[in-house]
């Protein structure tokens, strides 16, 4: 998968102290050629699809890494890394 905005992923990861886990996530995603959530879950069993976004648990479920995904074009666009509390507020669902 082509991941748009690795720099932004790593900046956000640094803010929360999860750079190692986000780096592993990034390297795993870059090697993948996923066509569905089922394939994503082979590598990340707790990943969820909400609309056109994928949500990954990061930092032992303390944070959510959110990307917009286009399986047909094999691309993910980083949208944010937020706390579990921010995720529960659901404002992220409005992100494009």
C-alpha atoms as a PDB file:
ATOM      1  CA  UNK A   1       0.000   0.000   0.000  1.00  0.00           C
ATOM      2  CA  UNK A   2       1.125   3.507  -0.686  1.00  0.00           C
ATOM      3  CA  UNK A   3       0.895   5.476   2.571  1.00  0.00           C
ATOM      4  CA  UNK A   4       0.494   9.200   2.098  1.00  0.00           C
ATOM      5  CA  UNK A   5       2.114  11.314   4.811  1.00  0.00           C
ATOM      6  CA  UNK A   6       4.616   9.087   6.625  1.00  0.00           C
ATOM      7  CA  UNK A   7       6.146  12.253   8.078  1.00  0.00           C
ATOM      8  CA  UNK A   8       2.803  13.196   9.624  1.00  0.00           C
ATOM      9  CA  UNK A   9       2.339   9.692  11.029  1.00  0.00           C
ATOM     10  CA  UNK A  10       5.721   9.857  12.713  1.00  0.00           C
ATOM     11  CA  UNK A  11       5.165  13.398  14.064  1.00  0.00           C
ATOM     12  CA  UNK A  12       1.917  12.273  15.672  1.00  0.00           C
ATOM     13  CA  UNK A  13       3.554   9.098  16.974  1.00  0.00           C
ATOM     14  CA  UNK A  14       6.325  11.135  18.573  1.00  0.00           C
ATOM     15  CA  UNK A  15       3.749  13.318  20.326  1.00  0.00           C
ATOM     16  CA  UNK A  16       2.244  10.253  22.009  1.00  0.00           C
ATOM     17  CA  UNK A  17       5.471   8.294  22.459  1.00  0.00           C
ATOM     18  CA  UNK A  18       4.502   5.448  20.114  1.00  0.00           C
ATOM     19  CA  UNK A  19       7.079   5.897  17.355  1.00  0.00           C
ATOM     20  CA  UNK A  20       8.234   2.275  17.498  1.00  0.00           C
ATOM     21  CA  UNK A  21       4.743   0.868  17.105  1.00  0.00           C
ATOM     22  CA  UNK A  22       3.838   3.331  14.339  1.00  0.00           C
ATOM     23  CA  UNK A  23       7.047   2.515  12.493  1.00  0.00           C
ATOM     24  CA  UNK A  24       6.161  -1.183  12.598  1.00  0.00           C
ATOM     25  CA  UNK A  25       2.643  -0.313  11.390  1.00  0.00           C
ATOM     26  CA  UNK A  26       4.066   1.762   8.529  1.00  0.00           C
ATOM     27  CA  UNK A  27       6.566  -0.882   7.393  1.00  0.00           C
ATOM     28  CA  UNK A  28       3.846  -3.562   7.489  1.00  0.00           C
ATOM     29  CA  UNK A  29       1.379  -1.450   5.497  1.00  0.00           C
ATOM     30  CA  UNK A  30       3.992  -0.452   2.876  1.00  0.00           C
ATOM     31  CA  UNK A  31       4.656  -4.123   2.085  1.00  0.00           C
ATOM     32  CA  UNK A  32       0.954  -5.000   1.841  1.00  0.00           C
ATOM     33  CA  UNK A  33      -1.302  -5.225  -1.190  1.00  0.00           C
ATOM     34  CA  UNK A  34      -4.613  -5.467   0.610  1.00  0.00           C
ATOM     35  CA  UNK A  35      -7.918  -5.515  -1.227  1.00  0.00           C
ATOM     36  CA  UNK A  36     -10.280  -5.793   1.752  1.00  0.00           C
ATOM     37  CA  UNK A  37     -10.627  -5.491   5.513  1.00  0.00           C
ATOM     38  CA  UNK A  38     -10.327  -9.270   5.768  1.00  0.00           C
ATOM     39  CA  UNK A  39      -6.788  -9.059   4.378  1.00  0.00           C
ATOM     40  CA  UNK A  40      -5.926  -6.111   6.654  1.00  0.00           C
ATOM     41  CA  UNK A  41      -7.034  -8.131   9.663  1.00  0.00           C
ATOM     42  CA  UNK A  42      -4.553 -10.874   8.847  1.00  0.00           C
ATOM     43  CA  UNK A  43      -1.838  -8.427   9.935  1.00  0.00           C
ATOM     44  CA  UNK A  44      -3.899  -6.253  12.297  1.00  0.00           C
ATOM     45  CA  UNK A  45      -6.744  -8.343  13.800  1.00  0.00           C
ATOM     46  CA  UNK A  46      -8.287  -5.419  15.696  1.00  0.00           C
ATOM     47  CA  UNK A  47      -8.495  -3.083  12.672  1.00  0.00           C
ATOM     48  CA  UNK A  48     -11.958  -1.730  11.918  1.00  0.00           C
ATOM     49  CA  UNK A  49     -13.430  -0.165   8.798  1.00  0.00           C
ATOM     50  CA  UNK A  50     -15.745   2.791   9.358  1.00  0.00           C
ATOM     51  CA  UNK A  51     -17.018   4.200   6.087  1.00  0.00           C
ATOM     52  CA  UNK A  52     -13.980   4.833   3.895  1.00  0.00           C
ATOM     53  CA  UNK A  53     -11.630   4.861   6.880  1.00  0.00           C
ATOM     54  CA  UNK A  54      -9.603   2.198   8.626  1.00  0.00           C
ATOM     55  CA  UNK A  55      -8.957   2.444  12.336  1.00  0.00           C
ATOM     56  CA  UNK A  56      -5.935   0.758  13.928  1.00  0.00           C
ATOM     57  CA  UNK A  57      -5.340   0.317  17.658  1.00  0.00           C
ATOM     58  CA  UNK A  58      -1.950   1.692  18.654  1.00  0.00           C
ATOM     59  CA  UNK A  59      -0.137   1.784  21.981  1.00  0.00           C
ATOM     60  CA  UNK A  60      -1.928  -1.126  23.626  1.00  0.00           C
ATOM     61  CA  UNK A  61      -5.336   0.283  22.701  1.00  0.00           C
ATOM     62  CA  UNK A  62      -4.618   3.779  24.086  1.00  0.00           C
ATOM     63  CA  UNK A  63      -4.603   5.456  20.654  1.00  0.00           C
ATOM     64  CA  UNK A  64      -6.297   5.167  17.291  1.00  0.00           C
ATOM     65  CA  UNK A  65      -4.465   5.602  14.004  1.00  0.00           C
ATOM     66  CA  UNK A  66      -6.984   6.597  11.357  1.00  0.00           C
ATOM     67  CA  UNK A  67      -6.458   6.444   7.611  1.00  0.00           C
ATOM     68  CA  UNK A  68      -8.712   6.869   4.610  1.00  0.00           C
ATOM     69  CA  UNK A  69      -8.265   3.859   2.378  1.00  0.00           C
ATOM     70  CA  UNK A  70      -8.787   3.240  -1.302  1.00  0.00           C
ATOM     71  CA  UNK A  71      -8.266  -0.478  -1.836  1.00  0.00           C
ATOM     72  CA  UNK A  72      -8.720  -0.206  -5.614  1.00  0.00           C
ATOM     73  CA  UNK A  73      -5.842   2.290  -5.897  1.00  0.00           C
ATOM     74  CA  UNK A  74      -3.790   0.580  -3.173  1.00  0.00           C
ATOM     75  CA  UNK A  75      -3.401   3.784  -1.161  1.00  0.00           C
ATOM     76  CA  UNK A  76      -3.917   4.970   2.422  1.00  0.00           C
ATOM     77  CA  UNK A  77      -4.112   8.608   3.441  1.00  0.00           C
ATOM     78  CA  UNK A  78      -3.152   9.320   7.058  1.00  0.00           C
ATOM     79  CA  UNK A  79      -5.899  11.276   8.787  1.00  0.00           C
ATOM     80  CA  UNK A  80      -4.847  11.282  12.413  1.00  0.00           C
ATOM     81  CA  UNK A  81      -3.550   9.622  15.532  1.00  0.00           C
ATOM     82  CA  UNK A  82      -5.829  10.345  18.451  1.00  0.00           C
ATOM     83  CA  UNK A  83      -6.467   9.186  21.984  1.00  0.00           C
ATOM     84  CA  UNK A  84      -9.118   6.620  22.804  1.00  0.00           C
ATOM     85  CA  UNK A  85     -11.131   9.402  24.482  1.00  0.00           C
ATOM     86  CA  UNK A  86     -11.001  11.568  21.320  1.00  0.00           C
ATOM     87  CA  UNK A  87     -12.026   8.562  19.260  1.00  0.00           C
ATOM     88  CA  UNK A  88     -15.088   7.995  21.439  1.00  0.00           C
ATOM     89  CA  UNK A  89     -16.275  11.557  20.750  1.00  0.00           C
ATOM     90  CA  UNK A  90     -16.568  10.575  17.065  1.00  0.00           C
ATOM     91  CA  UNK A  91     -15.530  13.967  15.643  1.00  0.00           C
ATOM     92  CA  UNK A  92     -13.019  12.084  13.472  1.00  0.00           C
ATOM     93  CA  UNK A  93     -15.872  10.614  11.457  1.00  0.00           C
ATOM     94  CA  UNK A  94     -16.291  14.037   9.798  1.00  0.00           C
ATOM     95  CA  UNK A  95     -12.693  14.034   8.499  1.00  0.00           C
ATOM     96  CA  UNK A  96     -12.352  13.772   4.735  1.00  0.00           C
END
